[in-house]
PDB file of N, CA and C in Angstrom:
ATOM      1  N   MET A   1       0.848  -1.165   0.015  1.00  0.00           N
ATOM      2  CA  MET A   1       0.025  -0.008   0.013  1.00  0.00           C
ATOM      3  C   MET A   1       0.922   1.235   0.012  1.00  0.00           C
ATOM      4  N   ILE A   2       0.538   2.194  -0.852  1.00  0.00           N
ATOM      5  CA  ILE A   2       1.277   3.439  -0.903  1.00  0.00           C
ATOM      6  C   ILE A   2       0.386   4.563  -0.463  1.00  0.00           C
ATOM      7  N   LYS A   3       0.979   5.777  -0.354  1.00  0.00           N
ATOM      8  CA  LYS A   3       0.232   6.930   0.148  1.00  0.00           C
ATOM      9  C   LYS A   3      -0.964   7.196  -0.719  1.00  0.00           C
ATOM     10  N   LEU A   4      -0.868   7.028  -2.017  1.00  0.00           N
ATOM     11  CA  LEU A   4      -2.059   7.244  -2.897  1.00  0.00           C
ATOM     12  C   LEU A   4      -3.209   6.280  -2.559  1.00  0.00           C
ATOM     13  N   ASP A   5      -2.860   5.072  -2.209  1.00  0.00           N
ATOM     14  CA  ASP A   5      -3.933   4.131  -1.814  1.00  0.00           C
ATOM     15  C   ASP A   5      -4.642   4.589  -0.535  1.00  0.00           C
ATOM     16  N   ILE A   6      -3.869   5.156   0.422  1.00  0.00           N
ATOM     17  CA  ILE A   6      -4.516   5.654   1.606  1.00  0.00           C
ATOM     18  C   ILE A   6      -5.392   6.851   1.270  1.00  0.00           C
ATOM     19  N   ILE A   7      -4.918   7.722   0.422  1.00  0.00           N
ATOM     20  CA  ILE A   7      -5.759   8.876   0.005  1.00  0.00           C
ATOM     21  C   ILE A   7      -7.029   8.399  -0.675  1.00  0.00           C
ATOM     22  N   ASN A   8      -6.912   7.465  -1.554  1.00  0.00           N
ATOM     23  CA  ASN A   8      -8.092   6.940  -2.245  1.00  0.00           C
ATOM     24  C   ASN A   8      -9.090   6.248  -1.265  1.00  0.00           C
ATOM     25  N   GLU A   9      -8.549   5.607  -0.228  1.00  0.00           N
ATOM     26  CA  GLU A   9      -9.414   4.986   0.763  1.00  0.00           C
ATOM     27  C   GLU A   9     -10.175   6.033   1.547  1.00  0.00           C
ATOM     28  N   VAL A  10      -9.491   7.096   1.887  1.00  0.00           N
ATOM     29  CA  VAL A  10     -10.150   8.240   2.608  1.00  0.00           C
ATOM     30  C   VAL A  10     -11.238   8.819   1.736  1.00  0.00           C
ATOM     31  N   VAL A  11     -10.998   9.039   0.474  1.00  0.00           N
ATOM     32  CA  VAL A  11     -11.996   9.550  -0.427  1.00  0.00           C
ATOM     33  C   VAL A  11     -13.213   8.636  -0.510  1.00  0.00           C
ATOM     34  N   THR A  12     -12.956   7.309  -0.613  1.00  0.00           N
ATOM     35  CA  THR A  12     -14.002   6.350  -0.735  1.00  0.00           C
ATOM     36  C   THR A  12     -14.873   6.269   0.527  1.00  0.00           C
ATOM     37  N   ARG A  13     -14.248   6.274   1.685  1.00  0.00           N
ATOM     38  CA  ARG A  13     -14.964   6.138   2.971  1.00  0.00           C
ATOM     39  C   ARG A  13     -15.702   7.391   3.407  1.00  0.00           C
ATOM     40  N   THR A  14     -15.100   8.594   3.062  1.00  0.00           N
ATOM     41  CA  THR A  14     -15.682   9.822   3.580  1.00  0.00           C
ATOM     42  C   THR A  14     -16.503  10.575   2.550  1.00  0.00           C
ATOM     43  N   GLY A  15     -16.173  10.435   1.302  1.00  0.00           N
ATOM     44  CA  GLY A  15     -16.874  11.140   0.262  1.00  0.00           C
ATOM     45  C   GLY A  15     -16.328  12.550   0.048  1.00  0.00           C
ATOM     46  N   ILE A  16     -15.216  12.905   0.719  1.00  0.00           N
ATOM     47  CA  ILE A  16     -14.626  14.236   0.460  1.00  0.00           C
ATOM     48  C   ILE A  16     -13.845  14.249  -0.795  1.00  0.00           C
ATOM     49  N   THR A  17     -13.435  15.406  -1.253  1.00  0.00           N
ATOM     50  CA  THR A  17     -12.707  15.507  -2.502  1.00  0.00           C
ATOM     51  C   THR A  17     -11.330  14.923  -2.305  1.00  0.00           C
ATOM     52  N   LYS A  18     -10.743  14.551  -3.444  1.00  0.00           N
ATOM     53  CA  LYS A  18      -9.387  13.947  -3.393  1.00  0.00           C
ATOM     54  C   LYS A  18      -8.362  14.946  -2.932  1.00  0.00           C
ATOM     55  N   THR A  19      -8.555  16.254  -3.282  1.00  0.00           N
ATOM     56  CA  THR A  19      -7.654  17.290  -2.830  1.00  0.00           C
ATOM     57  C   THR A  19      -7.648  17.388  -1.300  1.00  0.00           C
ATOM     58  N   LYS A  20      -8.848  17.443  -0.707  1.00  0.00           N
ATOM     59  CA  LYS A  20      -8.960  17.566   0.717  1.00  0.00           C
ATOM     60  C   LYS A  20      -8.407  16.314   1.417  1.00  0.00           C
ATOM     61  N   ALA A  21      -8.656  15.147   0.842  1.00  0.00           N
ATOM     62  CA  ALA A  21      -8.168  13.913   1.410  1.00  0.00           C
ATOM     63  C   ALA A  21      -6.642  13.885   1.405  1.00  0.00           C
ATOM     64  N   GLU A  22      -6.056  14.355   0.297  1.00  0.00           N
ATOM     65  CA  GLU A  22      -4.611  14.417   0.202  1.00  0.00           C
ATOM     66  C   GLU A  22      -4.041  15.336   1.206  1.00  0.00           C
ATOM     67  N   LEU A  23      -4.644  16.533   1.386  1.00  0.00           N
ATOM     68  CA  LEU A  23      -4.221  17.465   2.425  1.00  0.00           C
ATOM     69  C   LEU A  23      -4.271  16.895   3.806  1.00  0.00           C
ATOM     70  N   ALA A  24      -5.372  16.155   4.074  1.00  0.00           N
ATOM     71  CA  ALA A  24      -5.497  15.480   5.438  1.00  0.00           C
ATOM     72  C   ALA A  24      -4.410  14.493   5.657  1.00  0.00           C
ATOM     73  N   VAL A  25      -4.174  13.573   4.682  1.00  0.00           N
ATOM     74  CA  VAL A  25      -3.170  12.583   4.842  1.00  0.00           C
ATOM     75  C   VAL A  25      -1.775  13.193   4.974  1.00  0.00           C
ATOM     76  N   GLU A  26      -1.501  14.208   4.175  1.00  0.00           N
ATOM     77  CA  GLU A  26      -0.173  14.927   4.245  1.00  0.00           C
ATOM     78  C   GLU A  26       0.007  15.580   5.624  1.00  0.00           C
ATOM     79  N   THR A  27      -1.109  16.132   6.140  1.00  0.00           N
ATOM     80  CA  THR A  27      -1.080  16.828   7.448  1.00  0.00           C
ATOM     81  C   THR A  27      -0.753  15.808   8.545  1.00  0.00           C
ATOM     82  N   VAL A  28      -1.392  14.624   8.506  1.00  0.00           N
ATOM     83  CA  VAL A  28      -1.142  13.592   9.502  1.00  0.00           C
ATOM     84  C   VAL A  28       0.299  13.118   9.444  1.00  0.00           C
ATOM     85  N   PHE A  29       0.791  12.858   8.268  1.00  0.00           N
ATOM     86  CA  PHE A  29       2.192  12.376   8.132  1.00  0.00           C
ATOM     87  C   PHE A  29       3.160  13.439   8.487  1.00  0.00           C
ATOM     88  N   GLY A  30       2.860  14.692   8.127  1.00  0.00           N
ATOM     89  CA  GLY A  30       3.768  15.801   8.514  1.00  0.00           C
ATOM     90  C   GLY A  30       3.856  15.984  10.003  1.00  0.00           C
ATOM     91  N   SER A  31       2.688  15.883  10.690  1.00  0.00           N
ATOM     92  CA  SER A  31       2.648  15.967  12.103  1.00  0.00           C
ATOM     93  C   SER A  31       3.465  14.854  12.822  1.00  0.00           C
ATOM     94  N   MET A  32       3.352  13.651  12.222  1.00  0.00           N
ATOM     95  CA  MET A  32       4.102  12.484  12.776  1.00  0.00           C
ATOM     96  C   MET A  32       5.601  12.684  12.590  1.00  0.00           C
ATOM     97  N   LYS A  33       5.983  13.274  11.396  1.00  0.00           N
ATOM     98  CA  LYS A  33       7.437  13.498  11.219  1.00  0.00           C
ATOM     99  C   LYS A  33       7.959  14.537  12.130  1.00  0.00           C
ATOM    100  N   LYS A  34       7.209  15.609  12.396  1.00  0.00           N
ATOM    101  CA  LYS A  34       7.636  16.671  13.342  1.00  0.00           C
ATOM    102  C   LYS A  34       7.776  16.120  14.737  1.00  0.00           C
ATOM    103  N   ALA A  35       6.798  15.290  15.157  1.00  0.00           N
ATOM    104  CA  ALA A  35       6.849  14.703  16.506  1.00  0.00           C
ATOM    105  C   ALA A  35       8.095  13.808  16.663  1.00  0.00           C
ATOM    106  N   LEU A  36       8.340  12.974  15.683  1.00  0.00           N
ATOM    107  CA  LEU A  36       9.487  12.098  15.761  1.00  0.00           C
ATOM    108  C   LEU A  36      10.795  12.883  15.742  1.00  0.00           C
ATOM    109  N   ALA A  37      10.848  13.981  14.974  1.00  0.00           N
ATOM    110  CA  ALA A  37      12.032  14.822  14.890  1.00  0.00           C
ATOM    111  C   ALA A  37      12.326  15.465  16.234  1.00  0.00           C
ATOM    112  N   LYS A  38      11.301  15.755  16.997  1.00  0.00           N
ATOM    113  CA  LYS A  38      11.486  16.327  18.365  1.00  0.00           C
ATOM    114  C   LYS A  38      11.844  15.254  19.381  1.00  0.00           C
ATOM    115  N   GLY A  39      11.703  13.960  18.974  1.00  0.00           N
ATOM    116  CA  GLY A  39      12.002  12.870  19.894  1.00  0.00           C
ATOM    117  C   GLY A  39      10.745  12.384  20.644  1.00  0.00           C
ATOM    118  N   ASP A  40       9.560  12.850  20.239  1.00  0.00           N
ATOM    119  CA  ASP A  40       8.376  12.413  20.865  1.00  0.00           C
ATOM    120  C   ASP A  40       7.955  11.016  20.465  1.00  0.00           C
ATOM    121  N   ARG A  41       7.221  10.374  21.296  1.00  0.00           N
ATOM    122  CA  ARG A  41       6.712   9.044  21.001  1.00  0.00           C
ATOM    123  C   ARG A  41       5.324   9.176  20.408  1.00  0.00           C
ATOM    124  N   ILE A  42       4.958   8.402  19.402  1.00  0.00           N
ATOM    125  CA  ILE A  42       3.633   8.423  18.819  1.00  0.00           C
ATOM    126  C   ILE A  42       2.925   7.100  19.090  1.00  0.00           C
ATOM    127  N   GLU A  43       1.810   7.203  19.798  1.00  0.00           N
ATOM    128  CA  GLU A  43       1.062   6.003  20.200  1.00  0.00           C
ATOM    129  C   GLU A  43      -0.308   6.066  19.540  1.00  0.00           C
ATOM    130  N   LEU A  44      -0.594   5.068  18.631  1.00  0.00           N
ATOM    131  CA  LEU A  44      -1.830   5.008  17.986  1.00  0.00           C
ATOM    132  C   LEU A  44      -2.546   3.749  18.549  1.00  0.00           C
ATOM    133  N   ARG A  45      -3.494   3.947  19.433  1.00  0.00           N
ATOM    134  CA  ARG A  45      -4.167   2.854  20.093  1.00  0.00           C
ATOM    135  C   ARG A  45      -4.743   1.837  19.097  1.00  0.00           C
ATOM    136  N   GLY A  46      -4.491   0.607  19.308  1.00  0.00           N
ATOM    137  CA  GLY A  46      -5.000  -0.441  18.385  1.00  0.00           C
ATOM    138  C   GLY A  46      -4.099  -0.650  17.179  1.00  0.00           C
ATOM    139  N   PHE A  47      -3.141   0.237  16.995  1.00  0.00           N
ATOM    140  CA  PHE A  47      -2.278   0.054  15.792  1.00  0.00           C
ATOM    141  C   PHE A  47      -0.846  -0.196  16.231  1.00  0.00           C
ATOM    142  N   GLY A  48      -0.262   0.717  17.004  1.00  0.00           N
ATOM    143  CA  GLY A  48       1.117   0.493  17.452  1.00  0.00           C
ATOM    144  C   GLY A  48       1.779   1.808  17.918  1.00  0.00           C
ATOM    145  N   VAL A  49       3.036   1.714  18.226  1.00  0.00           N
ATOM    146  CA  VAL A  49       3.796   2.800  18.768  1.00  0.00           C
ATOM    147  C   VAL A  49       5.059   3.065  17.923  1.00  0.00           C
ATOM    148  N   PHE A  50       5.285   4.332  17.573  1.00  0.00           N
ATOM    149  CA  PHE A  50       6.464   4.775  16.881  1.00  0.00           C
ATOM    150  C   PHE A  50       7.343   5.524  17.919  1.00  0.00           C
ATOM    151  N   ASN A  51       8.638   5.214  17.934  1.00  0.00           N
ATOM    152  CA  ASN A  51       9.525   6.005  18.803  1.00  0.00           C
ATOM    153  C   ASN A  51      10.899   6.022  18.216  1.00  0.00           C
ATOM    154  N   ILE A  52      11.733   6.903  18.762  1.00  0.00           N
ATOM    155  CA  ILE A  52      13.103   7.077  18.262  1.00  0.00           C
ATOM    156  C   ILE A  52      14.040   6.385  19.235  1.00  0.00           C
ATOM    157  N   ASN A  53      14.911   5.527  18.686  1.00  0.00           N
ATOM    158  CA  ASN A  53      15.911   4.909  19.498  1.00  0.00           C
ATOM    159  C   ASN A  53      17.271   5.368  19.059  1.00  0.00           C
ATOM    160  N   PRO A  54      18.185   5.677  19.972  1.00  0.00           N
ATOM    161  CA  PRO A  54      19.520   6.121  19.562  1.00  0.00           C
ATOM    162  C   PRO A  54      20.360   4.941  19.115  1.00  0.00           C
ATOM    163  N   ARG A  55      21.145   5.122  18.101  1.00  0.00           N
ATOM    164  CA  ARG A  55      22.078   4.092  17.675  1.00  0.00           C
ATOM    165  C   ARG A  55      23.490   4.506  18.157  1.00  0.00           C
ATOM    166  N   LYS A  56      24.228   3.606  18.691  1.00  0.00           N
ATOM    167  CA  LYS A  56      25.530   3.943  19.230  1.00  0.00           C
ATOM    168  C   LYS A  56      26.590   3.948  18.111  1.00  0.00           C
ATOM    169  N   THR A  57      27.692   4.542  18.458  1.00  0.00           N
ATOM    170  CA  THR A  57      28.837   4.561  17.536  1.00  0.00           C
ATOM    171  C   THR A  57      29.393   3.165  17.325  1.00  0.00           C
ATOM    172  N   GLY A  58      29.853   2.926  16.196  1.00  0.00           N
ATOM    173  CA  GLY A  58      30.370   1.603  15.943  1.00  0.00           C
ATOM    174  C   GLY A  58      31.513   1.644  14.884  1.00  0.00           C
ATOM    175  N   ILE A  59      32.124   0.483  14.656  1.00  0.00           N
ATOM    176  CA  ILE A  59      33.148   0.383  13.658  1.00  0.00           C
ATOM    177  C   ILE A  59      32.704  -0.689  12.660  1.00  0.00           C
ATOM    178  N   GLY A  60      32.680  -0.264  11.417  1.00  0.00           N
ATOM    179  CA  GLY A  60      32.251  -1.171  10.343  1.00  0.00           C
ATOM    180  C   GLY A  60      33.394  -1.390   9.390  1.00  0.00           C
ATOM    181  N   ARG A  61      33.108  -2.125   8.365  1.00  0.00           N
ATOM    182  CA  ARG A  61      34.146  -2.358   7.307  1.00  0.00           C
ATOM    183  C   ARG A  61      33.548  -2.043   5.946  1.00  0.00           C
ATOM    184  N   ASN A  62      34.398  -1.447   5.129  1.00  0.00           N
ATOM    185  CA  ASN A  62      33.984  -1.227   3.728  1.00  0.00           C
ATOM    186  C   ASN A  62      34.047  -2.580   3.049  1.00  0.00           C
ATOM    187  N   PRO A  63      32.992  -3.110   2.464  1.00  0.00           N
ATOM    188  CA  PRO A  63      33.019  -4.405   1.881  1.00  0.00           C
ATOM    189  C   PRO A  63      33.945  -4.560   0.680  1.00  0.00           C
ATOM    190  N   ARG A  64      34.253  -3.484  -0.001  1.00  0.00           N
ATOM    191  CA  ARG A  64      35.091  -3.546  -1.155  1.00  0.00           C
ATOM    192  C   ARG A  64      36.553  -3.597  -0.804  1.00  0.00           C
ATOM    193  N   THR A  65      36.964  -2.716   0.194  1.00  0.00           N
ATOM    194  CA  THR A  65      38.405  -2.669   0.491  1.00  0.00           C
ATOM    195  C   THR A  65      38.761  -3.360   1.815  1.00  0.00           C
ATOM    196  N   GLY A  66      37.744  -3.645   2.674  1.00  0.00           N
ATOM    197  CA  GLY A  66      38.018  -4.245   3.938  1.00  0.00           C
ATOM    198  C   GLY A  66      38.533  -3.258   4.984  1.00  0.00           C
ATOM    199  N   GLN A  67      38.623  -1.975   4.559  1.00  0.00           N
ATOM    200  CA  GLN A  67      39.122  -0.936   5.448  1.00  0.00           C
ATOM    201  C   GLN A  67      38.071  -0.629   6.560  1.00  0.00           C
ATOM    202  N   GLU A  68      38.546  -0.383   7.779  1.00  0.00           N
ATOM    203  CA  GLU A  68      37.630  -0.059   8.855  1.00  0.00           C
ATOM    204  C   GLU A  68      37.120   1.362   8.675  1.00  0.00           C
ATOM    205  N   VAL A  69      35.789   1.495   9.006  1.00  0.00           N
ATOM    206  CA  VAL A  69      35.094   2.762   8.833  1.00  0.00           C
ATOM    207  C   VAL A  69      34.400   3.082  10.174  1.00  0.00           C
ATOM    208  N   ASN A  70      34.520   4.323  10.645  1.00  0.00           N
ATOM    209  CA  ASN A  70      33.764   4.673  11.834  1.00  0.00           C
ATOM    210  C   ASN A  70      32.338   5.015  11.520  1.00  0.00           C
ATOM    211  N   ILE A  71      31.399   4.462  12.236  1.00  0.00           N
ATOM    212  CA  ILE A  71      29.996   4.697  12.012  1.00  0.00           C
ATOM    213  C   ILE A  71      29.491   5.646  13.099  1.00  0.00           C
ATOM    214  N   PRO A  72      29.035   6.883  12.693  1.00  0.00           N
ATOM    215  CA  PRO A  72      28.674   7.880  13.694  1.00  0.00           C
ATOM    216  C   PRO A  72      27.381   7.467  14.405  1.00  0.00           C
ATOM    217  N   PRO A  73      27.179   8.003  15.644  1.00  0.00           N
ATOM    218  CA  PRO A  73      25.941   7.730  16.314  1.00  0.00           C
ATOM    219  C   PRO A  73      24.749   8.364  15.517  1.00  0.00           C
ATOM    220  N   GLY A  74      23.586   7.807  15.722  1.00  0.00           N
ATOM    221  CA  GLY A  74      22.456   8.313  14.984  1.00  0.00           C
ATOM    222  C   GLY A  74      21.175   7.974  15.660  1.00  0.00           C
ATOM    223  N   LYS A  75      20.091   8.127  14.985  1.00  0.00           N
ATOM    224  CA  LYS A  75      18.753   7.820  15.549  1.00  0.00           C
ATOM    225  C   LYS A  75      18.033   6.915  14.552  1.00  0.00           C
ATOM    226  N   ALA A  76      17.232   6.028  15.051  1.00  0.00           N
ATOM    227  CA  ALA A  76      16.425   5.160  14.200  1.00  0.00           C
ATOM    228  C   ALA A  76      14.980   5.124  14.646  1.00  0.00           C
ATOM    229  N   VAL A  77      14.085   5.215  13.755  1.00  0.00           N
ATOM    230  CA  VAL A  77      12.635   5.119  14.078  1.00  0.00           C
ATOM    231  C   VAL A  77      12.276   3.648  14.206  1.00  0.00           C
ATOM    232  N   ARG A  78      11.628   3.332  15.292  1.00  0.00           N
ATOM    233  CA  ARG A  78      11.219   1.954  15.561  1.00  0.00           C
ATOM    234  C   ARG A  78       9.713   1.902  15.661  1.00  0.00           C
ATOM    235  N   PHE A  79       9.123   0.834  15.220  1.00  0.00           N
ATOM    236  CA  PHE A  79       7.686   0.649  15.320  1.00  0.00           C
ATOM    237  C   PHE A  79       7.370  -0.663  16.051  1.00  0.00           C
ATOM    238  N   LYS A  80       6.505  -0.601  17.057  1.00  0.00           N
ATOM    239  CA  LYS A  80       6.120  -1.753  17.842  1.00  0.00           C
ATOM    240  C   LYS A  80       4.596  -1.913  17.578  1.00  0.00           C
ATOM    241  N   PRO A  81       4.180  -2.968  16.927  1.00  0.00           N
ATOM    242  CA  PRO A  81       2.733  -3.166  16.649  1.00  0.00           C
ATOM    243  C   PRO A  81       1.953  -3.343  17.904  1.00  0.00           C
ATOM    244  N   GLY A  82       0.699  -2.903  17.891  1.00  0.00           N
ATOM    245  CA  GLY A  82      -0.209  -3.103  19.029  1.00  0.00           C
ATOM    246  C   GLY A  82      -0.779  -4.543  18.994  1.00  0.00           C
ATOM    247  N   LYS A  83      -1.566  -4.888  20.028  1.00  0.00           N
ATOM    248  CA  LYS A  83      -2.113  -6.179  20.177  1.00  0.00           C
ATOM    249  C   LYS A  83      -3.019  -6.535  19.002  1.00  0.00           C
ATOM    250  N   GLU A  84      -3.881  -5.610  18.630  1.00  0.00           N
ATOM    251  CA  GLU A  84      -4.825  -5.826  17.572  1.00  0.00           C
ATOM    252  C   GLU A  84      -4.107  -6.091  16.212  1.00  0.00           C
ATOM    253  N   LEU A  85      -3.030  -5.390  15.980  1.00  0.00           N
ATOM    254  CA  LEU A  85      -2.287  -5.535  14.732  1.00  0.00           C
ATOM    255  C   LEU A  85      -1.498  -6.877  14.775  1.00  0.00           C
ATOM    256  N   GLN A  86      -1.017  -7.277  15.947  1.00  0.00           N
ATOM    257  CA  GLN A  86      -0.302  -8.569  16.024  1.00  0.00           C
ATOM    258  C   GLN A  86      -1.244  -9.744  15.853  1.00  0.00           C
ATOM    259  N   ALA A  87      -2.518  -9.567  16.178  1.00  0.00           N
ATOM    260  CA  ALA A  87      -3.500 -10.635  16.080  1.00  0.00           C
ATOM    261  C   ALA A  87      -3.889 -10.992  14.648  1.00  0.00           C
ATOM    262  N   LEU A  88      -3.497 -10.116  13.646  1.00  0.00           N
ATOM    263  CA  LEU A  88      -3.834 -10.396  12.283  1.00  0.00           C
ATOM    264  C   LEU A  88      -3.101 -11.617  11.811  1.00  0.00           C
ATOM    265  N   GLU A  89      -3.736 -12.385  11.007  1.00  0.00           N
ATOM    266  CA  GLU A  89      -3.098 -13.592  10.440  1.00  0.00           C
ATOM    267  C   GLU A  89      -3.056 -13.516   8.990  1.00  0.00           C
TER     268      GLU A  89
END
């Protein structure tokens, strides 16, 4: 499923125009991006939780040369599905 599929589903279920549905979906995703950028946790009951986990510094290897490369610390978005989502088969 891609973003366009979500927009089309909103149009089908609500009957609003495609332009308004696209604006709504973009607004939700934009709000989620801003919250994650601030380090906030996003909890969607019945769906799951998005949060930011820090990644520590490490040492990797360049697969072509075998040379050691320093990997800087960073952040990774993690998703933990809720109970209802885990129950899907």
